[in-house]
Amino acid sequence: MEPLQQIERTELWVKDKLDGEGTGHDWHHIHRVTTQAKEIAEIEGADVFIVTLAALLHDLIDDKVVVSEEEGLKEVTNWLEEIGTTVEQRNHILTIITTMSFKGGNNEPVTTPEAQVVQDADRLDAIGAIGIARTFVYAGSKGDPMYNPELAVRESLTLEEYRNGQSSAIGHFYEKLLKLKDLMNTNEGKKRAETRHKFLEDFLNQFLTEWS
């Protein structure tokens, strides 16, 4: 199977898998991340094929989206075998998608150019106007409030606390979103993050002014 066909089939598969997803990790998120990842890969000189497949598949093993990360990983591995990727390609893609998640800021930095590109693209979609919108959608899906000034900001989080502890949409700004600009890997990612980060700060200032 030609690389273009592998990508096209994967797009259709992922789109079907994420049909009805309601936490902000839907197909539109995947499409935005993949588009931005390909752009950054071209600029940074990363392998566009690996970046594209990793970006398309990255949320299918995420515990925010799937019931079991282990089952998700098995399904993605089987899919990569089915479309005819090599062992080397498969291992690279699986390494990217299993190490790129924020998870409370507890993961080690990713190392390959391709992993850095996909992680940057995913993080860019978590900040700026769309990032803000996704934050409120995700909070709503968990039953978290828009804001609760009585909840202390959680500075250091285990994965369990990050996923299941009590927070709010605005709390998530402090726990994750405002940290992402300084965690970008690539020069292009850092450049794109500046404007989006500024929008986060402006929104937060306006929100807290109106709240009080």
Protein backbone atom coordinates (compact mmCIF):
# COMPACT_ATOMS: atom_id res chain seq x y z
CA MET A 1 0.00 0.00 0.00
CA GLU A 2 1.37 3.42 -0.99
CA PRO A 3 2.02 5.97 1.80
CA LEU A 4 -0.75 8.29 0.58
CA GLN A 5 -3.24 5.41 0.66
CA GLN A 6 -2.07 4.43 4.15
CA ILE A 7 -2.76 7.97 5.34
CA GLU A 8 -6.14 8.24 3.60
CA ARG A 9 -7.34 4.93 5.05
CA THR A 10 -6.15 5.97 8.50
CA GLU A 11 -8.02 9.28 8.25
CA LEU A 12 -11.27 7.43 7.53
CA TRP A 13 -10.65 4.93 10.34
CA VAL A 14 -9.88 7.60 12.94
CA LYS A 15 -12.84 9.72 11.85
CA ASP A 16 -15.13 6.73 12.34
CA LYS A 17 -13.59 5.85 15.72
CA LEU A 18 -14.09 9.38 17.08
CA ASP A 19 -17.64 9.84 15.81
CA GLY A 20 -19.68 11.40 18.63
CA GLU A 21 -16.65 12.12 20.83
CA GLY A 22 -17.67 14.88 23.26
CA THR A 23 -14.63 15.94 25.28
CA GLY A 24 -12.93 18.17 22.71
CA HIS A 25 -10.81 15.32 21.34
CA ASP A 26 -12.98 14.77 18.28
CA TRP A 27 -12.11 14.39 14.60
CA HIS A 28 -11.90 18.17 14.14
CA HIS A 29 -9.20 18.31 16.83
CA ILE A 30 -7.31 15.50 15.08
CA HIS A 31 -7.61 17.25 11.73
CA ARG A 32 -6.30 20.56 13.13
CA VAL A 33 -3.40 18.86 14.90
CA THR A 34 -2.48 16.84 11.81
CA THR A 35 -2.59 19.89 9.54
CA GLN A 36 -0.42 21.93 11.89
CA ALA A 37 1.96 19.02 12.51
CA LYS A 38 2.55 18.59 8.78
CA GLU A 39 3.25 22.32 8.40
CA ILE A 40 5.74 22.31 11.29
CA ALA A 41 7.37 19.08 10.04
CA GLU A 42 8.05 20.69 6.65
CA ILE A 43 9.64 23.73 8.33
CA GLU A 44 11.64 21.72 10.90
CA GLY A 45 12.75 18.95 8.54
CA ALA A 46 10.96 16.07 10.30
CA ASP A 47 9.60 12.96 8.57
CA VAL A 48 6.18 14.08 7.35
CA PHE A 49 4.83 10.54 6.90
CA ILE A 50 5.61 9.50 10.49
CA VAL A 51 4.34 12.84 11.81
CA THR A 52 1.08 12.54 9.87
CA LEU A 53 0.23 9.03 11.04
CA ALA A 54 1.21 9.79 14.64
CA ALA A 55 -0.90 12.96 14.66
CA LEU A 56 -3.89 11.10 13.24
CA LEU A 57 -3.64 8.28 15.79
CA HIS A 58 -2.45 10.10 18.91
CA ASP A 59 -5.77 10.26 20.81
CA LEU A 60 -6.86 6.67 20.19
CA ILE A 61 -4.82 5.47 23.18
CA ASP A 62 -5.60 8.43 25.46
CA ASP A 63 -7.50 7.61 28.64
CA LYS A 64 -9.56 10.77 28.17
CA VAL A 65 -11.01 9.18 25.03
CA VAL A 66 -10.78 5.40 25.34
CA VAL A 67 -11.83 3.14 28.20
CA SER A 68 -8.54 1.23 28.20
CA GLU A 69 -5.17 2.59 27.04
CA GLU A 70 -3.92 -0.99 26.74
CA GLU A 71 -6.77 -1.99 24.41
CA GLY A 72 -6.38 1.24 22.46
CA LEU A 73 -2.68 0.59 21.96
CA LYS A 74 -3.37 -2.95 20.79
CA GLU A 75 -5.97 -1.69 18.30
CA VAL A 76 -3.66 1.00 16.92
CA THR A 77 -0.80 -1.51 16.61
CA ASN A 78 -3.04 -3.91 14.69
CA TRP A 79 -4.16 -1.08 12.43
CA LEU A 80 -0.58 -0.06 11.61
CA GLU A 81 0.20 -3.68 10.76
CA GLU A 82 -2.94 -3.94 8.61
CA ILE A 83 -2.05 -0.93 6.45
CA GLY A 84 1.47 -2.25 5.92
CA THR A 85 3.79 0.00 7.91
CA THR A 86 7.27 -1.37 8.57
CA VAL A 87 8.34 -2.48 12.04
CA GLU A 88 10.59 0.58 12.28
CA GLN A 89 7.78 2.97 11.27
CA ARG A 90 5.36 1.26 13.62
CA ASN A 91 7.69 1.43 16.61
CA HIS A 92 8.43 5.10 15.95
CA ILE A 93 4.75 6.03 15.71
CA LEU A 94 3.83 4.03 18.83
CA THR A 95 6.67 5.62 20.79
CA ILE A 96 5.42 9.09 19.83
CA ILE A 97 1.82 8.53 20.83
CA THR A 98 2.67 6.81 24.12
CA THR A 99 5.06 9.52 25.33
CA MET A 100 3.63 12.83 24.07
CA SER A 101 0.70 13.38 26.47
CA PHE A 102 0.91 16.11 29.15
CA LYS A 103 -0.57 13.92 31.94
CA GLY A 104 -0.11 16.52 34.65
CA GLY A 105 3.37 17.45 33.45
CA ASN A 106 4.86 14.14 34.64
CA ASN A 107 6.19 12.75 31.35
CA GLU A 108 9.84 12.94 30.30
CA PRO A 109 10.58 15.26 27.33
CA VAL A 110 10.21 13.59 23.94
CA THR A 111 13.41 13.29 21.92
CA THR A 112 12.87 12.58 18.21
CA PRO A 113 12.12 15.46 15.84
CA GLU A 114 8.87 13.77 14.82
CA ALA A 115 7.69 13.39 18.41
CA GLN A 116 8.58 17.00 19.14
CA VAL A 117 6.58 18.18 16.13
CA VAL A 118 3.45 16.16 16.95
CA GLN A 119 3.58 17.16 20.62
CA ASP A 120 3.91 20.83 19.68
CA ALA A 121 0.97 20.64 17.26
CA ASP A 122 -1.20 18.96 19.88
CA ARG A 123 -0.25 21.53 22.51
CA LEU A 124 -0.93 24.42 20.15
CA ASP A 125 -4.51 23.15 19.82
CA ALA A 126 -4.80 23.35 23.61
CA ILE A 127 -4.08 27.10 23.74
CA GLY A 128 -5.49 30.15 21.99
CA ALA A 129 -9.18 30.60 21.22
CA ILE A 130 -9.80 26.98 20.27
CA GLY A 131 -7.86 25.76 23.29
CA ILE A 132 -10.08 27.85 25.55
CA ALA A 133 -13.24 26.50 23.90
CA ARG A 134 -11.97 22.92 24.25
CA THR A 135 -11.16 23.49 27.92
CA PHE A 136 -14.76 24.44 28.71
CA VAL A 137 -16.11 21.53 26.66
CA TYR A 138 -13.83 19.11 28.52
CA ALA A 139 -14.71 20.54 31.93
CA GLY A 140 -18.40 20.21 31.09
CA SER A 141 -17.97 16.61 29.96
CA LYS A 142 -16.41 15.79 33.37
CA GLY A 143 -19.02 17.73 35.33
CA ASP A 144 -16.46 20.29 36.51
CA PRO A 145 -17.62 23.89 37.10
CA MET A 146 -16.67 26.80 34.88
CA TYR A 147 -14.86 28.36 37.86
CA ASN A 148 -14.79 27.91 41.60
CA PRO A 149 -12.62 30.50 43.42
CA GLU A 150 -12.71 28.34 46.55
CA LEU A 151 -10.76 25.58 44.82
CA ALA A 152 -7.02 26.01 45.27
CA VAL A 153 -4.87 25.84 42.13
CA ARG A 154 -3.14 22.46 42.04
CA GLU A 155 0.52 23.16 41.28
CA SER A 156 1.99 19.66 41.34
CA LEU A 157 -0.19 16.77 40.23
CA THR A 158 0.03 13.01 39.99
CA LEU A 159 -1.67 11.51 36.94
CA GLU A 160 -4.52 10.30 39.14
CA GLU A 161 -5.04 13.80 40.59
CA TYR A 162 -4.79 15.40 37.16
CA ARG A 163 -7.41 13.08 35.67
CA ASN A 164 -9.81 12.64 38.57
CA GLY A 165 -9.20 15.37 41.15
CA GLN A 166 -11.57 18.29 41.63
CA SER A 167 -10.86 21.29 39.44
CA SER A 168 -12.57 23.77 37.09
CA ALA A 169 -12.17 25.03 33.55
CA ILE A 170 -10.34 28.12 34.81
CA GLY A 171 -8.26 25.97 37.16
CA HIS A 172 -7.09 24.04 34.09
CA PHE A 173 -5.52 27.26 32.75
CA TYR A 174 -3.11 27.29 35.69
CA GLU A 175 -2.60 23.53 35.84
CA LYS A 176 -1.77 23.11 32.15
CA LEU A 177 -2.57 25.73 29.52
CA LEU A 178 -0.38 28.58 30.77
CA LYS A 179 2.58 26.19 31.08
CA LEU A 180 2.52 24.98 27.48
CA LYS A 181 4.26 27.93 25.80
CA ASP A 182 7.47 27.23 27.71
CA LEU A 183 7.24 23.49 26.99
CA MET A 184 7.29 23.83 23.19
CA ASN A 185 10.06 21.86 21.50
CA THR A 186 10.56 23.33 18.03
CA ASN A 187 11.39 26.86 16.97
CA GLU A 188 8.24 26.99 14.85
CA GLY A 189 6.13 25.65 17.69
CA LYS A 190 7.52 28.28 20.05
CA LYS A 191 6.79 31.01 17.52
CA ARG A 192 3.19 29.88 16.98
CA ALA A 193 2.61 29.53 20.73
CA GLU A 194 3.39 33.19 21.50
CA THR A 195 0.18 34.64 20.02
CA ARG A 196 -2.02 31.90 21.42
CA HIS A 197 -0.50 32.24 24.89
CA LYS A 198 -1.12 36.00 24.85
CA PHE A 199 -4.77 35.31 23.97
CA LEU A 200 -5.01 32.95 26.97
CA GLU A 201 -3.68 35.64 29.30
CA ASP A 202 -6.01 38.29 27.90
CA PHE A 203 -9.04 36.00 28.17
CA LEU A 204 -8.16 35.01 31.73
CA ASN A 205 -7.73 38.63 32.81
CA GLN A 206 -11.06 39.59 31.25
CA PHE A 207 -12.82 36.56 32.77
CA LEU A 208 -11.56 37.27 36.29
CA THR A 209 -12.38 40.97 35.97
CA GLU A 210 -15.97 40.17 34.98
CA TRP A 211 -16.24 37.51 37.69
CA SER A 212 -15.29 39.92 40.46
